[in-house]
Amino acid sequence: MLIMLRKGITLRQGTFTAVIAPEPVILSALNDNPDLGRFLSLFLCGNYSRILSRINRTSSNFEIRRPFTADQLLTALKEAGHTIIFIEHDPTLFDGADRLLIPVAAALRDAGHEALVILYAPVMDRSFAALACQADRLIEIVHTGEPAYNGQYQDNRSHPQGRSLVPAQKTLEVF
């Protein structure tokens, strides 16, 4: 079972992946994959969800739980027996509950041994960074305003010397 975020970026079962991406990218990954309906999936979101109302899943295999505290999130993760666990990060769950960041991160990692666990946020924040430290992979897809990859590579030999086709590279900082 695979979920493709972008060409060449796939998520696999048996991993815990933290994903930072624009909402359209993650919605496309969830809505445009008809095979996901065959798997038992759990969608976890907190007090407010930016994407839940735009997910087109009508399968009886798609369960939604809304933990309103970090304790409830921890319980939901420990009880989950799903093939796919998608968590839409809500930093307000950890307001005054920083002590639960390490146990929740460990629960995400443990769940990732059996399921495909995706921790999603549109932007990085302090609590997401703490949870993502336990992830097998951290994927950040930045909206550059450029058109999507169309499957054709350009030949950089035809451009004047000194002009690069690749946008400036950014370095990730360790928190």
C-alpha atoms as a PDB file:
ATOM      1  CA  MET A   1       0.000   0.000   0.000  1.00  0.00           C
ATOM      2  CA  LEU A   2       1.462   3.334  -1.134  1.00  0.00           C
ATOM      3  CA  ILE A   3       0.372   6.960  -1.059  1.00  0.00           C
ATOM      4  CA  MET A   4       2.037   9.246  -3.584  1.00  0.00           C
ATOM      5  CA  LEU A   5       2.476  12.865  -2.497  1.00  0.00           C
ATOM      6  CA  ARG A   6       4.329  13.961  -5.615  1.00  0.00           C
ATOM      7  CA  LYS A   7       6.087  12.124  -8.400  1.00  0.00           C
ATOM      8  CA  GLY A   8       8.876  10.174  -6.710  1.00  0.00           C
ATOM      9  CA  ILE A   9       7.650  10.842  -3.139  1.00  0.00           C
ATOM     10  CA  THR A  10       5.704   7.890  -1.772  1.00  0.00           C
ATOM     11  CA  LEU A  11       4.640   6.893   1.707  1.00  0.00           C
ATOM     12  CA  ARG A  12       4.710   3.211   2.677  1.00  0.00           C
ATOM     13  CA  GLN A  13       3.136   1.054   5.343  1.00  0.00           C
ATOM     14  CA  GLY A  14       5.377   0.331   8.308  1.00  0.00           C
ATOM     15  CA  THR A  15       6.669   3.890   8.581  1.00  0.00           C
ATOM     16  CA  PHE A  16       5.992   7.059  10.524  1.00  0.00           C
ATOM     17  CA  THR A  17       6.352  10.049   8.223  1.00  0.00           C
ATOM     18  CA  ALA A  18       6.036  13.710   9.151  1.00  0.00           C
ATOM     19  CA  VAL A  19       4.814  15.803   6.213  1.00  0.00           C
ATOM     20  CA  ILE A  20       4.805  19.560   5.804  1.00  0.00           C
ATOM     21  CA  ALA A  21       2.981  20.514   2.617  1.00  0.00           C
ATOM     22  CA  PRO A  22       0.413  22.889   1.192  1.00  0.00           C
ATOM     23  CA  GLU A  23      -3.154  21.724   1.712  1.00  0.00           C
ATOM     24  CA  PRO A  24      -3.823  20.989  -2.002  1.00  0.00           C
ATOM     25  CA  VAL A  25      -0.894  18.537  -2.088  1.00  0.00           C
ATOM     26  CA  ILE A  26      -2.112  16.490   0.874  1.00  0.00           C
ATOM     27  CA  LEU A  27      -5.748  16.637  -0.265  1.00  0.00           C
ATOM     28  CA  SER A  28      -4.745  15.355  -3.686  1.00  0.00           C
ATOM     29  CA  ALA A  29      -2.815  12.483  -2.089  1.00  0.00           C
ATOM     30  CA  LEU A  30      -5.850  11.500  -0.021  1.00  0.00           C
ATOM     31  CA  ASN A  31      -8.623  12.141  -2.550  1.00  0.00           C
ATOM     32  CA  ASP A  32      -7.013  10.995  -5.788  1.00  0.00           C
ATOM     33  CA  ASN A  33      -6.036   7.516  -4.606  1.00  0.00           C
ATOM     34  CA  PRO A  34      -9.042   5.183  -4.980  1.00  0.00           C
ATOM     35  CA  ASP A  35      -7.094   2.273  -3.448  1.00  0.00           C
ATOM     36  CA  LEU A  36      -7.178   3.939  -0.030  1.00  0.00           C
ATOM     37  CA  GLY A  37     -10.827   2.911   0.345  1.00  0.00           C
ATOM     38  CA  ARG A  38      -9.723  -0.713   0.631  1.00  0.00           C
ATOM     39  CA  PHE A  39      -7.736  -0.091   3.815  1.00  0.00           C
ATOM     40  CA  LEU A  40      -8.886   0.589   7.344  1.00  0.00           C
ATOM     41  CA  SER A  41      -7.996   4.258   7.852  1.00  0.00           C
ATOM     42  CA  LEU A  42      -8.097   6.541  10.873  1.00  0.00           C
ATOM     43  CA  PHE A  43      -8.142  10.325  10.553  1.00  0.00           C
ATOM     44  CA  LEU A  44      -7.211  12.168  13.751  1.00  0.00           C
ATOM     45  CA  CYS A  45      -7.605  15.914  14.077  1.00  0.00           C
ATOM     46  CA  GLY A  46      -7.951  18.169  17.073  1.00  0.00           C
ATOM     47  CA  ASN A  47     -10.028  21.213  17.821  1.00  0.00           C
ATOM     48  CA  TYR A  48      -9.979  22.526  14.267  1.00  0.00           C
ATOM     49  CA  SER A  49      -9.343  20.835  10.928  1.00  0.00           C
ATOM     50  CA  ARG A  50      -8.362  22.688   7.771  1.00  0.00           C
ATOM     51  CA  ILE A  51      -8.825  19.691   5.467  1.00  0.00           C
ATOM     52  CA  LEU A  52     -11.429  17.317   6.929  1.00  0.00           C
ATOM     53  CA  SER A  53     -14.396  18.908   5.139  1.00  0.00           C
ATOM     54  CA  ARG A  54     -12.550  18.534   1.793  1.00  0.00           C
ATOM     55  CA  ILE A  55     -11.647  14.852   2.105  1.00  0.00           C
ATOM     56  CA  ASN A  56     -13.809  12.768  -0.228  1.00  0.00           C
ATOM     57  CA  ARG A  57     -13.969   9.489   1.648  1.00  0.00           C
ATOM     58  CA  THR A  58     -17.291   7.720   1.984  1.00  0.00           C
ATOM     59  CA  SER A  59     -15.908   4.248   2.648  1.00  0.00           C
ATOM     60  CA  SER A  60     -16.953   2.514   5.837  1.00  0.00           C
ATOM     61  CA  ASN A  61     -13.226   1.825   6.308  1.00  0.00           C
ATOM     62  CA  PHE A  62     -12.589   5.538   7.004  1.00  0.00           C
ATOM     63  CA  GLU A  63     -12.923   6.446  10.683  1.00  0.00           C
ATOM     64  CA  ILE A  64     -12.657   9.945  12.132  1.00  0.00           C
ATOM     65  CA  ARG A  65     -11.701  10.708  15.726  1.00  0.00           C
ATOM     66  CA  ARG A  66     -11.307  14.164  17.203  1.00  0.00           C
ATOM     67  CA  PRO A  67      -9.144  14.201  20.308  1.00  0.00           C
ATOM     68  CA  PHE A  68      -9.362  17.573  22.061  1.00  0.00           C
ATOM     69  CA  THR A  69      -6.388  17.066  24.387  1.00  0.00           C
ATOM     70  CA  ALA A  70      -2.936  15.526  24.091  1.00  0.00           C
ATOM     71  CA  ASP A  71      -4.055  12.776  26.508  1.00  0.00           C
ATOM     72  CA  GLN A  72      -6.951  11.872  24.211  1.00  0.00           C
ATOM     73  CA  LEU A  73      -4.593  11.842  21.213  1.00  0.00           C
ATOM     74  CA  LEU A  74      -2.257   9.492  23.057  1.00  0.00           C
ATOM     75  CA  THR A  75      -5.170   7.181  23.896  1.00  0.00           C
ATOM     76  CA  ALA A  76      -6.436   7.203  20.296  1.00  0.00           C
ATOM     77  CA  LEU A  77      -2.977   6.272  19.000  1.00  0.00           C
ATOM     78  CA  LYS A  78      -2.580   3.427  21.491  1.00  0.00           C
ATOM     79  CA  GLU A  79      -6.039   2.036  20.622  1.00  0.00           C
ATOM     80  CA  ALA A  80      -5.622   2.331  16.839  1.00  0.00           C
ATOM     81  CA  GLY A  81      -5.503  -0.882  14.848  1.00  0.00           C
ATOM     82  CA  HIS A  82      -5.727   0.699  11.417  1.00  0.00           C
ATOM     83  CA  THR A  83      -3.618   0.259   8.284  1.00  0.00           C
ATOM     84  CA  ILE A  84      -3.399   4.024   7.738  1.00  0.00           C
ATOM     85  CA  ILE A  85      -3.312   6.574  10.558  1.00  0.00           C
ATOM     86  CA  PHE A  86      -3.408  10.185   9.387  1.00  0.00           C
ATOM     87  CA  ILE A  87      -2.939  12.857  12.030  1.00  0.00           C
ATOM     88  CA  GLU A  88      -3.631  16.467  11.161  1.00  0.00           C
ATOM     89  CA  HIS A  89      -1.407  18.280  13.623  1.00  0.00           C
ATOM     90  CA  ASP A  90      -3.126  20.679  16.022  1.00  0.00           C
ATOM     91  CA  PRO A  91      -0.629  22.579  18.180  1.00  0.00           C
ATOM     92  CA  THR A  92      -3.370  23.642  20.611  1.00  0.00           C
ATOM     93  CA  LEU A  93      -3.525  20.065  21.911  1.00  0.00           C
ATOM     94  CA  PHE A  94      -0.144  20.631  23.537  1.00  0.00           C
ATOM     95  CA  ASP A  95      -0.878  23.993  25.147  1.00  0.00           C
ATOM     96  CA  GLY A  96       0.167  23.409  28.745  1.00  0.00           C
ATOM     97  CA  ALA A  97       0.890  19.749  27.984  1.00  0.00           C
ATOM     98  CA  ASP A  98       4.510  19.829  26.816  1.00  0.00           C
ATOM     99  CA  ARG A  99       5.190  16.824  29.040  1.00  0.00           C
ATOM    100  CA  LEU A 100       3.137  14.718  26.591  1.00  0.00           C
ATOM    101  CA  LEU A 101       5.174  15.561  23.485  1.00  0.00           C
ATOM    102  CA  ILE A 102       7.661  12.739  24.108  1.00  0.00           C
ATOM    103  CA  PRO A 103       5.017  10.061  24.880  1.00  0.00           C
ATOM    104  CA  VAL A 104       2.913  11.078  21.849  1.00  0.00           C
ATOM    105  CA  ALA A 105       5.992  11.025  19.600  1.00  0.00           C
ATOM    106  CA  ALA A 106       6.837   7.540  20.916  1.00  0.00           C
ATOM    107  CA  ALA A 107       3.248   6.385  20.300  1.00  0.00           C
ATOM    108  CA  LEU A 108       3.424   7.688  16.712  1.00  0.00           C
ATOM    109  CA  ARG A 109       6.676   5.808  16.174  1.00  0.00           C
ATOM    110  CA  ASP A 110       5.254   2.612  17.706  1.00  0.00           C
ATOM    111  CA  ALA A 111       2.115   2.817  15.558  1.00  0.00           C
ATOM    112  CA  GLY A 112       4.379   3.242  12.534  1.00  0.00           C
ATOM    113  CA  HIS A 113       5.791  -0.250  12.991  1.00  0.00           C
ATOM    114  CA  GLU A 114       2.509  -1.791  11.810  1.00  0.00           C
ATOM    115  CA  ALA A 115       0.690   0.998   9.971  1.00  0.00           C
ATOM    116  CA  LEU A 116       1.371   3.888   7.656  1.00  0.00           C
ATOM    117  CA  VAL A 117       1.415   6.833  10.067  1.00  0.00           C
ATOM    118  CA  ILE A 118       1.337  10.328   8.601  1.00  0.00           C
ATOM    119  CA  LEU A 119       1.677  13.394  10.802  1.00  0.00           C
ATOM    120  CA  TYR A 120       0.637  16.354   8.646  1.00  0.00           C
ATOM    121  CA  ALA A 121       0.936  20.113   9.093  1.00  0.00           C
ATOM    122  CA  PRO A 122       0.917  22.932   6.547  1.00  0.00           C
ATOM    123  CA  VAL A 123       3.746  24.683   8.443  1.00  0.00           C
ATOM    124  CA  MET A 124       6.352  23.716  11.027  1.00  0.00           C
ATOM    125  CA  ASP A 125       5.826  24.755  14.637  1.00  0.00           C
ATOM    126  CA  ARG A 126       7.562  23.861  17.897  1.00  0.00           C
ATOM    127  CA  SER A 127       5.279  20.951  18.857  1.00  0.00           C
ATOM    128  CA  PHE A 128       5.314  19.499  15.307  1.00  0.00           C
ATOM    129  CA  ALA A 129       9.126  19.637  15.318  1.00  0.00           C
ATOM    130  CA  ALA A 130       9.230  17.779  18.649  1.00  0.00           C
ATOM    131  CA  LEU A 131       6.903  15.054  17.330  1.00  0.00           C
ATOM    132  CA  ALA A 132       8.710  14.810  13.979  1.00  0.00           C
ATOM    133  CA  CYS A 133      12.003  14.030  15.727  1.00  0.00           C
ATOM    134  CA  GLN A 134      10.770  10.438  16.116  1.00  0.00           C
ATOM    135  CA  ALA A 135       9.648  10.126  12.479  1.00  0.00           C
ATOM    136  CA  ASP A 136      11.328   7.764  10.046  1.00  0.00           C
ATOM    137  CA  ARG A 137      11.154  10.528   7.429  1.00  0.00           C
ATOM    138  CA  LEU A 138      10.422  14.238   7.353  1.00  0.00           C
ATOM    139  CA  ILE A 139       9.113  15.467   4.027  1.00  0.00           C
ATOM    140  CA  GLU A 140       8.629  19.154   3.290  1.00  0.00           C
ATOM    141  CA  ILE A 141       6.962  20.189   0.064  1.00  0.00           C
ATOM    142  CA  VAL A 142       7.239  23.917  -0.462  1.00  0.00           C
ATOM    143  CA  HIS A 143       4.842  25.804  -2.689  1.00  0.00           C
ATOM    144  CA  THR A 144       7.154  27.609  -5.075  1.00  0.00           C
ATOM    145  CA  GLY A 145       4.544  29.097  -7.372  1.00  0.00           C
ATOM    146  CA  GLU A 146       6.093  27.146 -10.226  1.00  0.00           C
ATOM    147  CA  PRO A 147       3.983  24.841 -12.386  1.00  0.00           C
ATOM    148  CA  ALA A 148       3.903  21.194 -11.377  1.00  0.00           C
ATOM    149  CA  TYR A 149       6.446  18.784 -12.836  1.00  0.00           C
ATOM    150  CA  ASN A 150       5.203  17.662 -16.262  1.00  0.00           C
ATOM    151  CA  GLY A 151       7.487  14.683 -16.781  1.00  0.00           C
ATOM    152  CA  GLN A 152       9.921  16.443 -19.138  1.00  0.00           C
ATOM    153  CA  TYR A 153      13.391  17.588 -18.164  1.00  0.00           C
ATOM    154  CA  GLN A 154      14.928  20.693 -19.700  1.00  0.00           C
ATOM    155  CA  ASP A 155      18.422  20.662 -21.117  1.00  0.00           C
ATOM    156  CA  ASN A 156      20.456  23.194 -19.157  1.00  0.00           C
ATOM    157  CA  ARG A 157      23.149  23.375 -21.861  1.00  0.00           C
ATOM    158  CA  SER A 158      21.025  25.778 -23.900  1.00  0.00           C
ATOM    159  CA  HIS A 159      21.015  28.441 -21.164  1.00  0.00           C
ATOM    160  CA  PRO A 160      23.645  31.127 -20.685  1.00  0.00           C
ATOM    161  CA  GLN A 161      26.427  30.179 -18.324  1.00  0.00           C
ATOM    162  CA  GLY A 162      25.864  31.240 -14.728  1.00  0.00           C
ATOM    163  CA  ARG A 163      22.080  30.979 -14.979  1.00  0.00           C
ATOM    164  CA  SER A 164      20.779  28.048 -13.015  1.00  0.00           C
ATOM    165  CA  LEU A 165      17.467  26.264 -13.608  1.00  0.00           C
ATOM    166  CA  VAL A 166      17.386  25.005 -10.033  1.00  0.00           C
ATOM    167  CA  PRO A 167      15.956  27.439  -7.467  1.00  0.00           C
ATOM    168  CA  ALA A 168      18.115  28.265  -4.475  1.00  0.00           C
ATOM    169  CA  GLN A 169      18.519  25.337  -2.127  1.00  0.00           C
ATOM    170  CA  LYS A 170      17.367  25.721   1.459  1.00  0.00           C
ATOM    171  CA  THR A 171      18.999  24.065   4.451  1.00  0.00           C
ATOM    172  CA  LEU A 172      16.874  22.443   7.126  1.00  0.00           C
ATOM    173  CA  GLU A 173      17.684  23.446  10.652  1.00  0.00           C
ATOM    174  CA  VAL A 174      17.759  20.981  13.524  1.00  0.00           C
ATOM    175  CA  PHE A 175      15.621  21.945  16.494  1.00  0.00           C
END
